[in-house]
């Protein structure tokens, strides 16, 4: 039942859009696309053309915008997916442990979460960038670049809401008869976590993933737009939007440089939210039945 196709046409359209976009992003290196980093000053600021010339136009340095949007999807979607998985991997067991143990353990873990949630996001970002800059050589020596640390850092910013949802679900599970029977039979905390809590939290984890994905994608775009995220020669939609805004000129028709990446970002966020809502409704319906 969980694998059935969504019934709403809007959800089907959203799913189709994401599938096509994801496929293009995955196979981008094998597509007949221009080099997204190739600079061609003679071709700068060519408007979108549907028959001859660049399909989505070129930017202020003559780079093909279609190639940059598709390659930008690789980064934006990868940050969203990997960052969300990091948030799930940290927040799910953390919240499950708090809800399962209850009492002092629950209060301690939730007070730690409250403290971390109170730290301003800007402080966290500046701290991470400072550490990254100070240890850039050491990180490069083990194969980690700024983009890899950025993936991890963005995910770590979003594990707290996941932990709270997991805790609420674990509290609900702790009152279920099969959990009480397992406790009465002498099953330890590790066994309860592995055999009962985490398996029963997987449907909720899928909903958490769907809810976290658009937030992480938006955060990546926002940070990259401010120059705190993805660095050239890598490209993301946030970086494309920043480049488009910098290139806008009242004397030149260049609004598409900002509008096209913003449209892809908006459509992706809308599609992710529609799918997350459908998954949440489906799981809620299964539980009621």
C-alpha atoms as a PDB file:
ATOM      1  CA  UNK A   1       0.000   0.000   0.000  1.00  0.00           C
ATOM      2  CA  UNK A   2       2.878   2.364   0.803  1.00  0.00           C
ATOM      3  CA  UNK A   3       4.357   1.757  -2.641  1.00  0.00           C
ATOM      4  CA  UNK A   4       1.173   2.575  -4.530  1.00  0.00           C
ATOM      5  CA  UNK A   5       1.226   5.521  -6.890  1.00  0.00           C
ATOM      6  CA  UNK A   6      -0.063   8.778  -5.411  1.00  0.00           C
ATOM      7  CA  UNK A   7      -3.673   9.546  -6.246  1.00  0.00           C
ATOM      8  CA  UNK A   8      -3.475  13.334  -6.504  1.00  0.00           C
ATOM      9  CA  UNK A   9      -2.471  14.653  -9.896  1.00  0.00           C
ATOM     10  CA  UNK A  10      -0.372  17.365  -8.256  1.00  0.00           C
ATOM     11  CA  UNK A  11       1.670  14.773  -6.360  1.00  0.00           C
ATOM     12  CA  UNK A  12       2.137  12.684  -9.501  1.00  0.00           C
ATOM     13  CA  UNK A  13       3.307  15.755 -11.379  1.00  0.00           C
ATOM     14  CA  UNK A  14       5.695  16.643  -8.559  1.00  0.00           C
ATOM     15  CA  UNK A  15       7.072  13.107  -8.480  1.00  0.00           C
ATOM     16  CA  UNK A  16       7.554  13.084 -12.256  1.00  0.00           C
ATOM     17  CA  UNK A  17       9.370  16.427 -12.153  1.00  0.00           C
ATOM     18  CA  UNK A  18      11.740  15.246  -9.415  1.00  0.00           C
ATOM     19  CA  UNK A  19      12.425  11.944 -11.155  1.00  0.00           C
ATOM     20  CA  UNK A  20      13.277  13.658 -14.451  1.00  0.00           C
ATOM     21  CA  UNK A  21      15.412  16.289 -12.723  1.00  0.00           C
ATOM     22  CA  UNK A  22      17.236  13.664 -10.655  1.00  0.00           C
ATOM     23  CA  UNK A  23      17.918  11.522 -13.723  1.00  0.00           C
ATOM     24  CA  UNK A  24      19.305  14.527 -15.619  1.00  0.00           C
ATOM     25  CA  UNK A  25      21.499  15.414 -12.650  1.00  0.00           C
ATOM     26  CA  UNK A  26      22.859  11.871 -12.337  1.00  0.00           C
ATOM     27  CA  UNK A  27      23.673  11.420 -16.026  1.00  0.00           C
ATOM     28  CA  UNK A  28      24.774  15.025 -16.616  1.00  0.00           C
ATOM     29  CA  UNK A  29      28.437  14.108 -17.360  1.00  0.00           C
ATOM     30  CA  UNK A  30      27.280  11.848 -20.195  1.00  0.00           C
ATOM     31  CA  UNK A  31      24.786  14.265 -21.720  1.00  0.00           C
ATOM     32  CA  UNK A  32      25.698  16.401 -24.754  1.00  0.00           C
ATOM     33  CA  UNK A  33      25.971  19.508 -22.614  1.00  0.00           C
ATOM     34  CA  UNK A  34      28.464  22.344 -22.781  1.00  0.00           C
ATOM     35  CA  UNK A  35      31.150  22.554 -20.117  1.00  0.00           C
ATOM     36  CA  UNK A  36      29.440  24.470 -17.284  1.00  0.00           C
ATOM     37  CA  UNK A  37      32.735  26.163 -16.366  1.00  0.00           C
ATOM     38  CA  UNK A  38      33.816  27.050 -19.917  1.00  0.00           C
ATOM     39  CA  UNK A  39      34.097  30.837 -20.285  1.00  0.00           C
ATOM     40  CA  UNK A  40      33.266  32.333 -23.683  1.00  0.00           C
ATOM     41  CA  UNK A  41      33.222  36.172 -23.519  1.00  0.00           C
ATOM     42  CA  UNK A  42      32.049  36.431 -27.129  1.00  0.00           C
ATOM     43  CA  UNK A  43      28.826  34.567 -26.194  1.00  0.00           C
ATOM     44  CA  UNK A  44      28.003  36.470 -23.009  1.00  0.00           C
ATOM     45  CA  UNK A  45      24.411  37.325 -22.060  1.00  0.00           C
ATOM     46  CA  UNK A  46      22.666  35.495 -24.903  1.00  0.00           C
ATOM     47  CA  UNK A  47      18.941  35.342 -24.182  1.00  0.00           C
ATOM     48  CA  UNK A  48      17.170  31.960 -23.953  1.00  0.00           C
ATOM     49  CA  UNK A  49      16.471  30.502 -27.380  1.00  0.00           C
ATOM     50  CA  UNK A  50      14.227  27.508 -28.042  1.00  0.00           C
ATOM     51  CA  UNK A  51      15.385  26.745 -31.596  1.00  0.00           C
ATOM     52  CA  UNK A  52      18.860  28.117 -32.297  1.00  0.00           C
ATOM     53  CA  UNK A  53      21.509  28.926 -29.744  1.00  0.00           C
ATOM     54  CA  UNK A  54      21.683  28.116 -26.028  1.00  0.00           C
ATOM     55  CA  UNK A  55      18.339  26.835 -24.760  1.00  0.00           C
ATOM     56  CA  UNK A  56      18.450  28.764 -21.481  1.00  0.00           C
ATOM     57  CA  UNK A  57      20.884  31.411 -22.647  1.00  0.00           C
ATOM     58  CA  UNK A  58      24.349  32.239 -21.324  1.00  0.00           C
ATOM     59  CA  UNK A  59      25.559  34.140 -18.290  1.00  0.00           C
ATOM     60  CA  UNK A  60      27.773  37.215 -17.986  1.00  0.00           C
ATOM     61  CA  UNK A  61      30.872  35.103 -18.751  1.00  0.00           C
ATOM     62  CA  UNK A  62      29.356  33.257 -21.700  1.00  0.00           C
ATOM     63  CA  UNK A  63      28.781  29.998 -19.818  1.00  0.00           C
ATOM     64  CA  UNK A  64      25.846  27.865 -20.935  1.00  0.00           C
ATOM     65  CA  UNK A  65      23.031  28.305 -18.413  1.00  0.00           C
ATOM     66  CA  UNK A  66      21.305  24.986 -19.188  1.00  0.00           C
ATOM     67  CA  UNK A  67      24.487  23.066 -18.360  1.00  0.00           C
ATOM     68  CA  UNK A  68      25.003  25.129 -15.210  1.00  0.00           C
ATOM     69  CA  UNK A  69      21.416  24.566 -14.031  1.00  0.00           C
ATOM     70  CA  UNK A  70      21.653  20.786 -14.517  1.00  0.00           C
ATOM     71  CA  UNK A  71      25.068  20.581 -12.872  1.00  0.00           C
ATOM     72  CA  UNK A  72      23.735  22.859 -10.145  1.00  0.00           C
ATOM     73  CA  UNK A  73      20.969  20.336  -9.541  1.00  0.00           C
ATOM     74  CA  UNK A  74      23.670  17.714  -8.853  1.00  0.00           C
ATOM     75  CA  UNK A  75      25.030  19.789  -5.975  1.00  0.00           C
ATOM     76  CA  UNK A  76      21.725  21.131  -4.648  1.00  0.00           C
ATOM     77  CA  UNK A  77      19.980  17.743  -4.639  1.00  0.00           C
ATOM     78  CA  UNK A  78      23.063  15.950  -3.289  1.00  0.00           C
ATOM     79  CA  UNK A  79      23.361  18.427  -0.419  1.00  0.00           C
ATOM     80  CA  UNK A  80      19.647  18.034   0.281  1.00  0.00           C
ATOM     81  CA  UNK A  81      19.735  14.229   0.245  1.00  0.00           C
ATOM     82  CA  UNK A  82      23.015  13.687   2.087  1.00  0.00           C
ATOM     83  CA  UNK A  83      22.332  16.475   4.572  1.00  0.00           C
ATOM     84  CA  UNK A  84      18.902  15.018   5.306  1.00  0.00           C
ATOM     85  CA  UNK A  85      20.374  11.541   5.762  1.00  0.00           C
ATOM     86  CA  UNK A  86      22.913  12.951   8.237  1.00  0.00           C
ATOM     87  CA  UNK A  87      20.061  14.628  10.119  1.00  0.00           C
ATOM     88  CA  UNK A  88      18.109  11.346  10.192  1.00  0.00           C
ATOM     89  CA  UNK A  89      21.119   9.255  11.261  1.00  0.00           C
ATOM     90  CA  UNK A  90      21.811  11.604  14.175  1.00  0.00           C
ATOM     91  CA  UNK A  91      18.321  12.683  15.163  1.00  0.00           C
ATOM     92  CA  UNK A  92      16.474   9.368  14.868  1.00  0.00           C
ATOM     93  CA  UNK A  93      18.479   7.333  17.417  1.00  0.00           C
ATOM     94  CA  UNK A  94      18.898  10.391  19.662  1.00  0.00           C
ATOM     95  CA  UNK A  95      15.154  11.026  19.862  1.00  0.00           C
ATOM     96  CA  UNK A  96      14.352   7.303  20.057  1.00  0.00           C
ATOM     97  CA  UNK A  97      16.706   6.908  23.019  1.00  0.00           C
ATOM     98  CA  UNK A  98      15.145   9.868  24.816  1.00  0.00           C
ATOM     99  CA  UNK A  99      11.614   8.586  24.295  1.00  0.00           C
ATOM    100  CA  UNK A 100      12.484   4.988  25.120  1.00  0.00           C
ATOM    101  CA  UNK A 101      14.369   5.661  28.349  1.00  0.00           C
ATOM    102  CA  UNK A 102      12.197   8.534  29.598  1.00  0.00           C
ATOM    103  CA  UNK A 103      12.784  10.068  33.017  1.00  0.00           C
ATOM    104  CA  UNK A 104      16.162  11.681  33.679  1.00  0.00           C
ATOM    105  CA  UNK A 105      17.675  10.493  30.412  1.00  0.00           C
ATOM    106  CA  UNK A 106      14.833  12.070  28.442  1.00  0.00           C
ATOM    107  CA  UNK A 107      15.097  15.356  30.341  1.00  0.00           C
ATOM    108  CA  UNK A 108      18.887  15.498  29.970  1.00  0.00           C
ATOM    109  CA  UNK A 109      18.865  14.780  26.242  1.00  0.00           C
ATOM    110  CA  UNK A 110      16.085  17.264  25.581  1.00  0.00           C
ATOM    111  CA  UNK A 111      17.822  20.009  27.607  1.00  0.00           C
ATOM    112  CA  UNK A 112      20.945  19.435  25.505  1.00  0.00           C
ATOM    113  CA  UNK A 113      18.774  19.739  22.394  1.00  0.00           C
ATOM    114  CA  UNK A 114      17.213  22.960  23.754  1.00  0.00           C
ATOM    115  CA  UNK A 115      20.684  24.412  24.366  1.00  0.00           C
ATOM    116  CA  UNK A 116      21.906  23.553  20.873  1.00  0.00           C
ATOM    117  CA  UNK A 117      18.716  24.893  19.323  1.00  0.00           C
ATOM    118  CA  UNK A 118      19.280  28.221  21.051  1.00  0.00           C
ATOM    119  CA  UNK A 119      22.654  28.801  19.363  1.00  0.00           C
ATOM    120  CA  UNK A 120      22.181  31.271  16.469  1.00  0.00           C
ATOM    121  CA  UNK A 121      22.619  29.682  13.071  1.00  0.00           C
ATOM    122  CA  UNK A 122      24.986  32.452  11.948  1.00  0.00           C
ATOM    123  CA  UNK A 123      27.367  31.623  14.816  1.00  0.00           C
ATOM    124  CA  UNK A 124      27.400  27.935  13.829  1.00  0.00           C
ATOM    125  CA  UNK A 125      28.125  28.774  10.193  1.00  0.00           C
ATOM    126  CA  UNK A 126      30.943  31.219  10.995  1.00  0.00           C
ATOM    127  CA  UNK A 127      32.486  28.706  13.419  1.00  0.00           C
ATOM    128  CA  UNK A 128      32.392  25.888  10.877  1.00  0.00           C
ATOM    129  CA  UNK A 129      33.885  28.074   8.159  1.00  0.00           C
ATOM    130  CA  UNK A 130      36.653  29.221  10.507  1.00  0.00           C
ATOM    131  CA  UNK A 131      37.522  25.635  11.406  1.00  0.00           C
ATOM    132  CA  UNK A 132      37.413  24.656   7.754  1.00  0.00           C
ATOM    133  CA  UNK A 133      39.742  27.485   6.783  1.00  0.00           C
ATOM    134  CA  UNK A 134      42.185  26.703   9.602  1.00  0.00           C
ATOM    135  CA  UNK A 135      42.409  22.988   8.778  1.00  0.00           C
ATOM    136  CA  UNK A 136      41.925  23.156   5.025  1.00  0.00           C
ATOM    137  CA  UNK A 137      45.278  21.487   4.279  1.00  0.00           C
ATOM    138  CA  UNK A 138      44.717  18.665   6.759  1.00  0.00           C
ATOM    139  CA  UNK A 139      41.229  17.992   5.407  1.00  0.00           C
ATOM    140  CA  UNK A 140      42.502  17.973   1.826  1.00  0.00           C
ATOM    141  CA  UNK A 141      45.153  15.426   2.814  1.00  0.00           C
ATOM    142  CA  UNK A 142      42.449  12.921   3.767  1.00  0.00           C
ATOM    143  CA  UNK A 143      40.351  13.652   0.699  1.00  0.00           C
ATOM    144  CA  UNK A 144      37.886  16.060   2.279  1.00  0.00           C
ATOM    145  CA  UNK A 145      37.173  19.376   0.642  1.00  0.00           C
ATOM    146  CA  UNK A 146      34.952  22.291   1.533  1.00  0.00           C
ATOM    147  CA  UNK A 147      31.987  20.718  -0.269  1.00  0.00           C
ATOM    148  CA  UNK A 148      32.219  17.504   1.797  1.00  0.00           C
ATOM    149  CA  UNK A 149      32.374  19.385   5.086  1.00  0.00           C
ATOM    150  CA  UNK A 150      29.505  21.548   3.881  1.00  0.00           C
ATOM    151  CA  UNK A 151      27.364  18.440   3.281  1.00  0.00           C
ATOM    152  CA  UNK A 152      28.037  17.269   6.839  1.00  0.00           C
ATOM    153  CA  UNK A 153      27.573  20.688   8.420  1.00  0.00           C
ATOM    154  CA  UNK A 154      24.218  21.365   6.776  1.00  0.00           C
ATOM    155  CA  UNK A 155      22.933  17.975   7.898  1.00  0.00           C
ATOM    156  CA  UNK A 156      24.057  18.605  11.457  1.00  0.00           C
ATOM    157  CA  UNK A 157      22.036  21.817  11.534  1.00  0.00           C
ATOM    158  CA  UNK A 158      18.771  19.926  10.981  1.00  0.00           C
ATOM    159  CA  UNK A 159      18.964  16.906  13.269  1.00  0.00           C
ATOM    160  CA  UNK A 160      17.257  18.623  16.214  1.00  0.00           C
ATOM    161  CA  UNK A 161      13.726  18.778  14.701  1.00  0.00           C
ATOM    162  CA  UNK A 162      14.167  15.162  13.598  1.00  0.00           C
ATOM    163  CA  UNK A 163      15.127  14.175  17.143  1.00  0.00           C
ATOM    164  CA  UNK A 164      11.997  15.813  18.570  1.00  0.00           C
ATOM    165  CA  UNK A 165       9.718  13.982  16.135  1.00  0.00           C
ATOM    166  CA  UNK A 166      11.500  10.685  16.842  1.00  0.00           C
ATOM    167  CA  UNK A 167      11.130  11.264  20.590  1.00  0.00           C
ATOM    168  CA  UNK A 168       7.381  11.859  20.266  1.00  0.00           C
ATOM    169  CA  UNK A 169       7.006   8.661  18.228  1.00  0.00           C
ATOM    170  CA  UNK A 170       9.136   6.706  20.710  1.00  0.00           C
ATOM    171  CA  UNK A 171       6.954   7.907  23.585  1.00  0.00           C
ATOM    172  CA  UNK A 172       3.930   6.622  21.677  1.00  0.00           C
ATOM    173  CA  UNK A 173       5.604   3.283  21.039  1.00  0.00           C
ATOM    174  CA  UNK A 174       6.628   2.909  24.688  1.00  0.00           C
ATOM    175  CA  UNK A 175       2.941   2.532  25.603  1.00  0.00           C
ATOM    176  CA  UNK A 176       2.239  -0.120  22.970  1.00  0.00           C
ATOM    177  CA  UNK A 177       1.445  -3.637  24.267  1.00  0.00           C
ATOM    178  CA  UNK A 178       4.206  -5.388  22.288  1.00  0.00           C
ATOM    179  CA  UNK A 179       6.856  -3.058  23.761  1.00  0.00           C
ATOM    180  CA  UNK A 180       5.559  -3.554  27.288  1.00  0.00           C
ATOM    181  CA  UNK A 181       5.533  -7.329  26.721  1.00  0.00           C
ATOM    182  CA  UNK A 182       9.160  -7.226  25.522  1.00  0.00           C
ATOM    183  CA  UNK A 183      10.185  -5.220  28.578  1.00  0.00           C
ATOM    184  CA  UNK A 184       8.366  -7.672  30.849  1.00  0.00           C
ATOM    185  CA  UNK A 185      10.200 -10.545  29.143  1.00  0.00           C
ATOM    186  CA  UNK A 186      13.500  -8.908  30.123  1.00  0.00           C
ATOM    187  CA  UNK A 187      14.626  -7.534  26.748  1.00  0.00           C
ATOM    188  CA  UNK A 188      17.342  -4.941  27.328  1.00  0.00           C
ATOM    189  CA  UNK A 189      17.559  -1.381  26.025  1.00  0.00           C
ATOM    190  CA  UNK A 190      19.730  -2.329  23.042  1.00  0.00           C
ATOM    191  CA  UNK A 191      17.344  -5.104  22.048  1.00  0.00           C
ATOM    192  CA  UNK A 192      14.321  -2.850  22.430  1.00  0.00           C
ATOM    193  CA  UNK A 193      15.973  -0.172  20.295  1.00  0.00           C
ATOM    194  CA  UNK A 194      17.023  -2.542  17.490  1.00  0.00           C
ATOM    195  CA  UNK A 195      14.025  -4.884  17.472  1.00  0.00           C
ATOM    196  CA  UNK A 196      11.103  -2.581  18.207  1.00  0.00           C
ATOM    197  CA  UNK A 197      11.801   1.146  18.244  1.00  0.00           C
ATOM    198  CA  UNK A 198      13.963   1.740  15.184  1.00  0.00           C
ATOM    199  CA  UNK A 199      12.026  -0.643  12.861  1.00  0.00           C
ATOM    200  CA  UNK A 200       8.731   0.965  13.862  1.00  0.00           C
ATOM    201  CA  UNK A 201      10.200   4.442  13.419  1.00  0.00           C
ATOM    202  CA  UNK A 202      11.193   3.780   9.785  1.00  0.00           C
ATOM    203  CA  UNK A 203       7.855   4.998   8.296  1.00  0.00           C
ATOM    204  CA  UNK A 204       8.166   8.161  10.359  1.00  0.00           C
ATOM    205  CA  UNK A 205      11.792   8.445   9.231  1.00  0.00           C
ATOM    206  CA  UNK A 206      10.627   8.547   5.606  1.00  0.00           C
ATOM    207  CA  UNK A 207       8.261  11.396   6.452  1.00  0.00           C
ATOM    208  CA  UNK A 208      11.059  13.164   8.344  1.00  0.00           C
ATOM    209  CA  UNK A 209      13.290  12.752   5.305  1.00  0.00           C
ATOM    210  CA  UNK A 210      10.627  14.274   3.079  1.00  0.00           C
ATOM    211  CA  UNK A 211      10.114  17.199   5.445  1.00  0.00           C
ATOM    212  CA  UNK A 212      13.838  17.803   5.966  1.00  0.00           C
ATOM    213  CA  UNK A 213      14.876  17.623   2.302  1.00  0.00           C
ATOM    214  CA  UNK A 214      13.305  20.928   1.169  1.00  0.00           C
ATOM    215  CA  UNK A 215      14.622  22.718   4.243  1.00  0.00           C
ATOM    216  CA  UNK A 216      18.167  21.516   3.593  1.00  0.00           C
ATOM    217  CA  UNK A 217      17.973  22.384  -0.120  1.00  0.00           C
ATOM    218  CA  UNK A 218      16.714  25.861   0.757  1.00  0.00           C
ATOM    219  CA  UNK A 219      19.432  26.326   3.395  1.00  0.00           C
ATOM    220  CA  UNK A 220      22.133  25.321   0.905  1.00  0.00           C
ATOM    221  CA  UNK A 221      20.762  27.787  -1.648  1.00  0.00           C
ATOM    222  CA  UNK A 222      20.605  30.551   0.962  1.00  0.00           C
ATOM    223  CA  UNK A 223      24.172  29.972   2.190  1.00  0.00           C
ATOM    224  CA  UNK A 224      25.548  29.689  -1.340  1.00  0.00           C
ATOM    225  CA  UNK A 225      23.682  32.860  -2.310  1.00  0.00           C
ATOM    226  CA  UNK A 226      25.461  34.669   0.553  1.00  0.00           C
ATOM    227  CA  UNK A 227      28.830  33.211  -0.466  1.00  0.00           C
ATOM    228  CA  UNK A 228      29.068  30.912   2.561  1.00  0.00           C
ATOM    229  CA  UNK A 229      28.326  27.637   0.801  1.00  0.00           C
ATOM    230  CA  UNK A 230      29.375  26.097  -2.485  1.00  0.00           C
ATOM    231  CA  UNK A 231      32.483  27.587  -4.094  1.00  0.00           C
ATOM    232  CA  UNK A 232      33.436  27.809  -7.763  1.00  0.00           C
ATOM    233  CA  UNK A 233      34.149  25.823  -9.895  1.00  0.00           C
ATOM    234  CA  UNK A 234      31.313  23.873  -8.260  1.00  0.00           C
ATOM    235  CA  UNK A 235      27.894  25.280  -8.988  1.00  0.00           C
ATOM    236  CA  UNK A 236      24.547  25.186  -7.220  1.00  0.00           C
ATOM    237  CA  UNK A 237      21.257  26.986  -7.702  1.00  0.00           C
ATOM    238  CA  UNK A 238      22.043  29.387  -4.863  1.00  0.00           C
ATOM    239  CA  UNK A 239      25.363  30.297  -6.451  1.00  0.00           C
ATOM    240  CA  UNK A 240      23.655  30.710  -9.837  1.00  0.00           C
ATOM    241  CA  UNK A 241      21.103  33.058  -8.290  1.00  0.00           C
ATOM    242  CA  UNK A 242      23.891  35.103  -6.703  1.00  0.00           C
ATOM    243  CA  UNK A 243      25.713  35.330 -10.043  1.00  0.00           C
ATOM    244  CA  UNK A 244      22.465  36.301 -11.768  1.00  0.00           C
ATOM    245  CA  UNK A 245      21.759  39.060  -9.261  1.00  0.00           C
ATOM    246  CA  UNK A 246      25.299  40.410  -9.630  1.00  0.00           C
ATOM    247  CA  UNK A 247      24.940  40.459 -13.438  1.00  0.00           C
ATOM    248  CA  UNK A 248      21.586  42.263 -13.517  1.00  0.00           C
ATOM    249  CA  UNK A 249      21.739  45.587 -15.264  1.00  0.00           C
ATOM    250  CA  UNK A 250      18.859  47.933 -16.183  1.00  0.00           C
ATOM    251  CA  UNK A 251      20.490  48.448 -19.583  1.00  0.00           C
ATOM    252  CA  UNK A 252      20.713  44.721 -20.411  1.00  0.00           C
ATOM    253  CA  UNK A 253      17.953  42.097 -20.489  1.00  0.00           C
ATOM    254  CA  UNK A 254      19.451  39.648 -17.993  1.00  0.00           C
ATOM    255  CA  UNK A 255      16.588  38.904 -15.597  1.00  0.00           C
ATOM    256  CA  UNK A 256      16.562  35.274 -16.758  1.00  0.00           C
ATOM    257  CA  UNK A 257      19.914  34.737 -15.013  1.00  0.00           C
ATOM    258  CA  UNK A 258      18.153  35.122 -11.676  1.00  0.00           C
ATOM    259  CA  UNK A 259      14.709  33.890 -12.709  1.00  0.00           C
ATOM    260  CA  UNK A 260      15.709  30.491 -14.147  1.00  0.00           C
ATOM    261  CA  UNK A 261      17.656  29.095 -11.136  1.00  0.00           C
ATOM    262  CA  UNK A 262      15.059  30.604  -8.794  1.00  0.00           C
ATOM    263  CA  UNK A 263      12.293  28.856 -10.758  1.00  0.00           C
ATOM    264  CA  UNK A 264      14.071  25.484 -10.592  1.00  0.00           C
ATOM    265  CA  UNK A 265      14.605  25.938  -6.859  1.00  0.00           C
ATOM    266  CA  UNK A 266      10.975  26.929  -6.266  1.00  0.00           C
ATOM    267  CA  UNK A 267       9.597  24.022  -8.325  1.00  0.00           C
ATOM    268  CA  UNK A 268      11.868  21.556  -6.533  1.00  0.00           C
ATOM    269  CA  UNK A 269      10.853  22.817  -3.087  1.00  0.00           C
ATOM    270  CA  UNK A 270       7.174  22.711  -4.055  1.00  0.00           C
ATOM    271  CA  UNK A 271       7.508  19.166  -5.415  1.00  0.00           C
ATOM    272  CA  UNK A 272       9.333  17.948  -2.315  1.00  0.00           C
ATOM    273  CA  UNK A 273       6.685  19.437  -0.030  1.00  0.00           C
ATOM    274  CA  UNK A 274       3.833  17.910  -2.037  1.00  0.00           C
ATOM    275  CA  UNK A 275       5.432  14.466  -1.896  1.00  0.00           C
ATOM    276  CA  UNK A 276       6.166  14.806   1.835  1.00  0.00           C
ATOM    277  CA  UNK A 277       2.540  15.789   2.504  1.00  0.00           C
ATOM    278  CA  UNK A 278       1.289  12.802   0.492  1.00  0.00           C
ATOM    279  CA  UNK A 279       3.608  10.422   2.372  1.00  0.00           C
ATOM    280  CA  UNK A 280       2.494  11.827   5.726  1.00  0.00           C
ATOM    281  CA  UNK A 281      -1.179  11.469   4.805  1.00  0.00           C
ATOM    282  CA  UNK A 282      -0.587   7.901   3.583  1.00  0.00           C
ATOM    283  CA  UNK A 283       1.168   6.876   6.792  1.00  0.00           C
ATOM    284  CA  UNK A 284      -1.493   8.540   8.928  1.00  0.00           C
ATOM    285  CA  UNK A 285      -4.184   6.658   6.985  1.00  0.00           C
ATOM    286  CA  UNK A 286      -2.383   3.339   7.463  1.00  0.00           C
ATOM    287  CA  UNK A 287      -2.158   3.944  11.216  1.00  0.00           C
ATOM    288  CA  UNK A 288      -5.837   4.813  11.491  1.00  0.00           C
ATOM    289  CA  UNK A 289      -6.754   1.630   9.642  1.00  0.00           C
END
